[in-house]
Amino acid sequence: MAVLRLLQRIIDFCLTVLLWAYFLFGYLFILLFLFIPSYIHLKKSDAVLQKMNYVHLKYFFLWVGFLAPRTKFTIDADVRGLRSSIIVCNHISYLDPIALISLFPRQTTIVKNTFFSVPIFGWFLKKAGYVPSSPSEMYGPAMINHLESIKRHLAAGGNLFVFPEGTRGRDGKLAPFNKGVFSIARYCNTGLALVFIRDTDKLFRPGNFSFNMLEQNDVRLELIAKLAPDYQADNFSINALADQARQIFERKISDVQADKGAAVEGKK
């Protein structure tokens, strides 16, 4: 058994190196040979780079599926069909944002402000139309500009996806929700699509370098609710909207855990 576990770790490590090599060198190729020429000749660099991101990461997951044949990807057609939507998701793995980018040709998200200060990478994020977080200045002048760009992005058919936990959840529990995405939805007068992500943390566990290539797994993205708040109502509350979304996710997590418990009992 010890020899088999060691062999599995070696296989996982080697295949993971191949995947991350494709991931990193793919971005170098996009930046040097595709994006910079497009940026020079085209005005809408964000749309171009988002499409390149989408294609690159779509092939990344095709490679994951090929190298990890025991991993099944189940993506709801309702999720794939989302357009002009603000998507709210739970967050359990670093793969979550990559998976969402691979589903939508036009997408943006909110990125920690500090990443925009990183040389080259920060420029790349800015030109791709990603939005820096600004929790202390939701309606400051800089953030208003970003909110207007989000409105234009949604009107053009793009999606904004956000993880309101702000960090990966642990042990199947939701971290506290940040209210920013719900304020953005009100500003844009747009409803919310709640997407539940399942088992990406089994494929790529937090704290590990290697993918779990040989384990059986079923990664799922499921549309669990659509919320259409009346933002003009006298009793509308950002906190109440955030609580409603959180309760829907908590019920889904409870249902999934109950199903897993029943499956374990059935095998005994």
Protein backbone atom coordinates (compact mmCIF):
# COMPACT_ATOMS: atom_id res chain seq x y z
CA MET A 1 0.00 0.00 0.00
CA ALA A 2 2.82 2.39 0.86
CA VAL A 3 4.42 1.75 -2.53
CA LEU A 4 1.11 2.39 -4.32
CA ARG A 5 0.59 5.67 -2.43
CA LEU A 6 4.13 6.77 -3.32
CA LEU A 7 3.55 5.87 -6.97
CA GLN A 8 0.28 7.83 -6.97
CA ARG A 9 2.03 10.88 -5.52
CA ILE A 10 4.74 10.69 -8.19
CA ILE A 11 2.13 10.43 -10.96
CA ASP A 12 0.10 13.29 -9.48
CA PHE A 13 3.22 15.47 -9.23
CA CYS A 14 4.42 14.80 -12.80
CA LEU A 15 1.00 15.40 -14.36
CA THR A 16 0.51 18.54 -12.26
CA VAL A 17 3.82 19.94 -13.54
CA LEU A 18 2.59 19.36 -17.10
CA LEU A 19 -0.68 21.18 -16.39
CA TRP A 20 0.90 24.20 -14.71
CA ALA A 21 3.53 24.38 -17.48
CA TYR A 22 0.71 24.63 -20.05
CA PHE A 23 -1.05 27.18 -17.81
CA LEU A 24 1.98 29.49 -17.40
CA PHE A 25 3.54 29.21 -20.85
CA GLY A 26 0.10 29.60 -22.39
CA TYR A 27 -0.22 32.98 -20.72
CA LEU A 28 3.25 34.01 -21.90
CA PHE A 29 2.27 33.09 -25.46
CA ILE A 30 -1.04 34.99 -25.17
CA LEU A 31 0.67 38.07 -23.75
CA LEU A 32 3.60 38.24 -26.16
CA PHE A 33 2.19 36.96 -29.45
CA LEU A 34 -1.56 37.54 -29.30
CA PHE A 35 -2.58 40.22 -26.83
CA ILE A 36 0.08 42.89 -27.36
CA PRO A 37 -0.47 42.97 -31.18
CA SER A 38 -4.24 43.07 -30.59
CA TYR A 39 -3.83 45.81 -27.98
CA ILE A 40 -1.90 47.96 -30.46
CA HIS A 41 -4.51 47.64 -33.22
CA LEU A 42 -7.81 47.33 -31.32
CA LYS A 43 -9.56 49.69 -28.91
CA LYS A 44 -11.45 47.16 -26.76
CA SER A 45 -8.52 45.30 -25.24
CA ASP A 46 -10.61 43.96 -22.35
CA ALA A 47 -12.97 41.99 -24.62
CA VAL A 48 -10.05 40.57 -26.61
CA LEU A 49 -8.13 39.44 -23.54
CA GLN A 50 -11.23 37.99 -21.88
CA LYS A 51 -11.87 35.87 -24.99
CA MET A 52 -8.24 34.71 -25.04
CA ASN A 53 -8.46 33.87 -21.33
CA TYR A 54 -11.62 31.89 -21.97
CA VAL A 55 -10.10 29.83 -24.79
CA HIS A 56 -6.84 29.20 -22.93
CA LEU A 57 -8.56 28.00 -19.74
CA LYS A 58 -11.14 25.98 -21.66
CA TYR A 59 -8.27 23.97 -23.09
CA PHE A 60 -6.66 23.82 -19.65
CA PHE A 61 -9.71 21.95 -18.34
CA LEU A 62 -9.79 19.73 -21.41
CA TRP A 63 -6.24 18.72 -20.46
CA VAL A 64 -7.35 18.17 -16.85
CA GLY A 65 -10.12 15.88 -18.07
CA PHE A 66 -7.68 13.95 -20.28
CA LEU A 67 -5.00 13.56 -17.59
CA ALA A 68 -7.48 12.86 -14.78
CA PRO A 69 -9.92 10.44 -16.48
CA ARG A 70 -11.64 9.53 -13.20
CA THR A 71 -12.72 13.13 -12.71
CA LYS A 72 -16.10 13.99 -14.19
CA PHE A 73 -17.15 17.58 -14.88
CA THR A 74 -20.88 18.28 -14.67
CA ILE A 75 -21.81 21.84 -15.63
CA ASP A 76 -25.49 22.78 -15.68
CA ALA A 77 -26.71 24.04 -19.05
CA ASP A 78 -28.32 26.89 -17.07
CA VAL A 79 -24.87 27.90 -15.84
CA ARG A 80 -23.30 27.76 -19.31
CA GLY A 81 -26.17 29.88 -20.64
CA LEU A 82 -25.74 32.76 -18.20
CA ARG A 83 -25.19 36.12 -19.88
CA SER A 84 -25.36 39.72 -18.61
CA SER A 85 -25.43 38.25 -15.10
CA ILE A 86 -23.91 38.92 -11.71
CA ILE A 87 -22.91 35.45 -10.53
CA VAL A 88 -22.48 34.74 -6.83
CA CYS A 89 -20.54 31.57 -5.94
CA ASN A 90 -19.23 29.67 -2.96
CA HIS A 91 -15.44 29.34 -2.92
CA ILE A 92 -13.61 26.11 -2.05
CA SER A 93 -10.53 25.95 -4.32
CA TYR A 94 -8.12 28.03 -6.39
CA LEU A 95 -9.67 26.26 -9.39
CA ASP A 96 -13.03 28.01 -8.91
CA PRO A 97 -12.25 31.31 -10.72
CA ILE A 98 -10.34 29.44 -13.43
CA ALA A 99 -13.34 27.19 -14.00
CA LEU A 100 -15.71 30.15 -14.32
CA ILE A 101 -13.46 31.97 -16.79
CA SER A 102 -13.36 28.77 -18.91
CA LEU A 103 -17.18 28.88 -19.24
CA PHE A 104 -17.77 32.46 -20.41
CA PRO A 105 -16.16 34.30 -23.35
CA ARG A 106 -16.92 37.64 -21.67
CA GLN A 107 -16.26 37.68 -17.92
CA THR A 108 -14.81 39.85 -15.21
CA THR A 109 -14.40 39.59 -11.47
CA ILE A 110 -13.19 41.52 -8.45
CA VAL A 111 -9.51 41.05 -7.59
CA LYS A 112 -7.62 42.08 -4.46
CA ASN A 113 -6.33 45.61 -4.91
CA THR A 114 -2.73 44.61 -4.08
CA PHE A 115 -2.46 42.42 -7.20
CA PHE A 116 -2.77 45.53 -9.39
CA SER A 117 0.55 46.76 -8.00
CA VAL A 118 2.43 43.68 -9.23
CA PRO A 119 4.55 44.53 -12.31
CA ILE A 120 3.19 43.16 -15.62
CA PHE A 121 0.52 41.08 -13.85
CA GLY A 122 -1.21 44.24 -12.60
CA TRP A 123 -1.14 45.74 -16.10
CA PHE A 124 -2.53 42.46 -17.46
CA LEU A 125 -5.43 42.54 -14.94
CA LYS A 126 -6.24 46.15 -15.73
CA LYS A 127 -6.27 45.65 -19.49
CA ALA A 128 -8.46 42.56 -19.09
CA GLY A 129 -11.10 44.68 -17.36
CA TYR A 130 -10.83 43.12 -13.91
CA VAL A 131 -12.01 45.26 -11.02
CA PRO A 132 -9.86 46.09 -7.97
CA SER A 133 -11.58 45.62 -4.62
CA SER A 134 -12.23 48.81 -2.67
CA PRO A 135 -14.14 47.91 0.50
CA SER A 136 -13.57 51.25 2.19
CA GLU A 137 -14.73 53.35 -0.77
CA MET A 138 -17.71 51.62 -2.35
CA TYR A 139 -18.99 54.88 -3.84
CA GLY A 140 -15.74 56.85 -4.12
CA PRO A 141 -14.89 58.42 -7.50
CA ALA A 142 -12.57 55.60 -8.58
CA MET A 143 -15.06 52.89 -7.66
CA ILE A 144 -17.90 54.72 -9.45
CA ASN A 145 -15.84 54.50 -12.65
CA HIS A 146 -15.45 50.77 -12.12
CA LEU A 147 -19.17 50.37 -11.44
CA GLU A 148 -19.99 52.16 -14.69
CA SER A 149 -17.58 49.86 -16.56
CA ILE A 150 -19.34 46.86 -14.96
CA LYS A 151 -22.71 48.20 -16.20
CA ARG A 152 -21.32 48.49 -19.72
CA HIS A 153 -19.81 45.02 -19.46
CA LEU A 154 -23.15 43.50 -18.40
CA ALA A 155 -25.01 45.39 -21.13
CA ALA A 156 -22.62 43.88 -23.71
CA GLY A 157 -23.51 40.35 -22.57
CA GLY A 158 -20.63 39.81 -20.17
CA ASN A 159 -20.82 38.25 -16.71
CA LEU A 160 -19.42 39.42 -13.40
CA PHE A 161 -18.65 36.55 -11.03
CA VAL A 162 -17.89 37.15 -7.37
CA PHE A 163 -17.03 35.05 -4.34
CA PRO A 164 -18.62 37.00 -1.45
CA GLU A 165 -16.69 34.94 1.10
CA GLY A 166 -13.53 36.62 -0.19
CA THR A 167 -11.49 33.51 0.61
CA ARG A 168 -11.82 29.76 0.32
CA GLY A 169 -14.23 28.12 2.75
CA ARG A 170 -12.98 25.27 4.92
CA ASP A 171 -14.62 22.04 6.11
CA GLY A 172 -17.68 22.64 3.96
CA LYS A 173 -18.66 25.77 5.86
CA LEU A 174 -19.32 29.21 4.39
CA ALA A 175 -17.11 32.10 5.48
CA PRO A 176 -18.85 35.43 6.27
CA PHE A 177 -20.24 37.21 3.20
CA ASN A 178 -18.88 40.55 2.04
CA LYS A 179 -21.76 42.84 1.04
CA GLY A 180 -19.93 44.48 -1.89
CA VAL A 181 -21.40 42.33 -4.68
CA PHE A 182 -24.93 43.02 -3.45
CA SER A 183 -24.25 46.77 -3.54
CA ILE A 184 -22.91 46.37 -7.08
CA ALA A 185 -26.08 44.51 -8.10
CA ARG A 186 -28.22 47.34 -6.74
CA TYR A 187 -26.12 49.99 -8.50
CA CYS A 188 -26.43 48.07 -11.80
CA ASN A 189 -30.12 47.26 -11.15
CA THR A 190 -29.35 43.62 -11.95
CA GLY A 191 -30.48 40.35 -10.40
CA LEU A 192 -28.20 37.67 -9.03
CA ALA A 193 -27.49 34.13 -10.22
CA LEU A 194 -26.36 31.83 -7.39
CA VAL A 195 -23.98 29.10 -8.59
CA PHE A 196 -22.94 26.27 -6.29
CA ILE A 197 -19.47 24.81 -6.86
CA ARG A 198 -18.83 21.29 -5.63
CA ASP A 199 -15.69 19.16 -5.22
CA THR A 200 -13.08 21.33 -6.92
CA ASP A 201 -11.34 21.09 -3.54
CA LYS A 202 -11.10 17.31 -3.98
CA LEU A 203 -9.41 17.71 -7.37
CA PHE A 204 -7.03 20.40 -6.11
CA ARG A 205 -6.89 20.45 -2.33
CA PRO A 206 -6.03 23.69 -0.48
CA GLY A 207 -2.39 23.68 0.59
CA ASN A 208 -1.33 21.02 -1.95
CA PHE A 209 0.80 21.51 -5.04
CA SER A 210 -0.46 18.44 -6.88
CA PHE A 211 -3.82 17.65 -8.43
CA ASN A 212 -5.49 14.40 -7.36
CA MET A 213 -5.33 12.81 -10.78
CA LEU A 214 -6.21 9.22 -9.95
CA GLU A 215 -9.07 9.65 -7.46
CA GLN A 216 -12.69 9.36 -8.54
CA ASN A 217 -14.37 12.76 -8.40
CA ASP A 218 -17.38 14.63 -9.75
CA VAL A 219 -16.83 18.38 -10.06
CA ARG A 220 -20.15 20.19 -10.41
CA LEU A 221 -21.34 23.72 -11.06
CA GLU A 222 -25.06 24.13 -10.48
CA LEU A 223 -27.41 27.10 -10.73
CA ILE A 224 -29.32 26.88 -7.43
CA ALA A 225 -31.31 30.13 -7.54
CA LYS A 226 -31.93 33.40 -9.33
CA LEU A 227 -32.76 36.45 -7.23
CA ALA A 228 -34.55 39.46 -8.70
CA PRO A 229 -34.79 42.00 -5.84
CA ASP A 230 -36.96 45.10 -6.01
CA TYR A 231 -34.25 47.65 -5.33
CA GLN A 232 -36.80 50.49 -5.26
CA ALA A 233 -38.90 48.94 -2.50
CA ASP A 234 -39.04 50.92 0.75
CA ASN A 235 -38.09 47.85 2.77
CA PHE A 236 -35.18 46.79 0.53
CA SER A 237 -32.03 45.98 2.48
CA ILE A 238 -28.55 44.99 1.28
CA ASN A 239 -28.08 42.98 4.49
CA ALA A 240 -31.36 41.12 3.96
CA LEU A 241 -30.41 40.30 0.34
CA ALA A 242 -27.00 39.00 1.45
CA ASP A 243 -28.65 36.92 4.20
CA GLN A 244 -31.14 35.47 1.68
CA ALA A 245 -28.32 34.41 -0.65
CA ARG A 246 -26.32 32.94 2.21
CA GLN A 247 -29.31 30.90 3.47
CA ILE A 248 -29.79 29.40 -0.01
CA PHE A 249 -26.13 28.33 -0.11
CA GLU A 250 -26.32 26.93 3.43
CA ARG A 251 -29.39 24.84 2.55
CA LYS A 252 -27.59 23.49 -0.53
CA ILE A 253 -24.49 22.60 1.51
CA SER A 254 -26.71 20.84 4.06
CA ASP A 255 -28.44 18.86 1.29
CA VAL A 256 -25.10 17.83 -0.26
CA GLN A 257 -23.72 16.70 3.09
CA ALA A 258 -26.89 14.71 3.77
CA ASP A 259 -26.60 13.01 0.36
CA LYS A 260 -22.95 12.11 1.03
CA GLY A 261 -23.87 10.72 4.45
CA ALA A 262 -26.62 8.59 2.92
CA ALA A 263 -24.22 7.30 0.24
CA VAL A 264 -21.69 6.27 2.90
CA GLU A 265 -24.38 4.46 4.88
CA GLY A 266 -25.55 2.71 1.74
CA LYS A 267 -22.08 1.24 1.17
CA LYS A 268 -21.93 -0.34 4.64
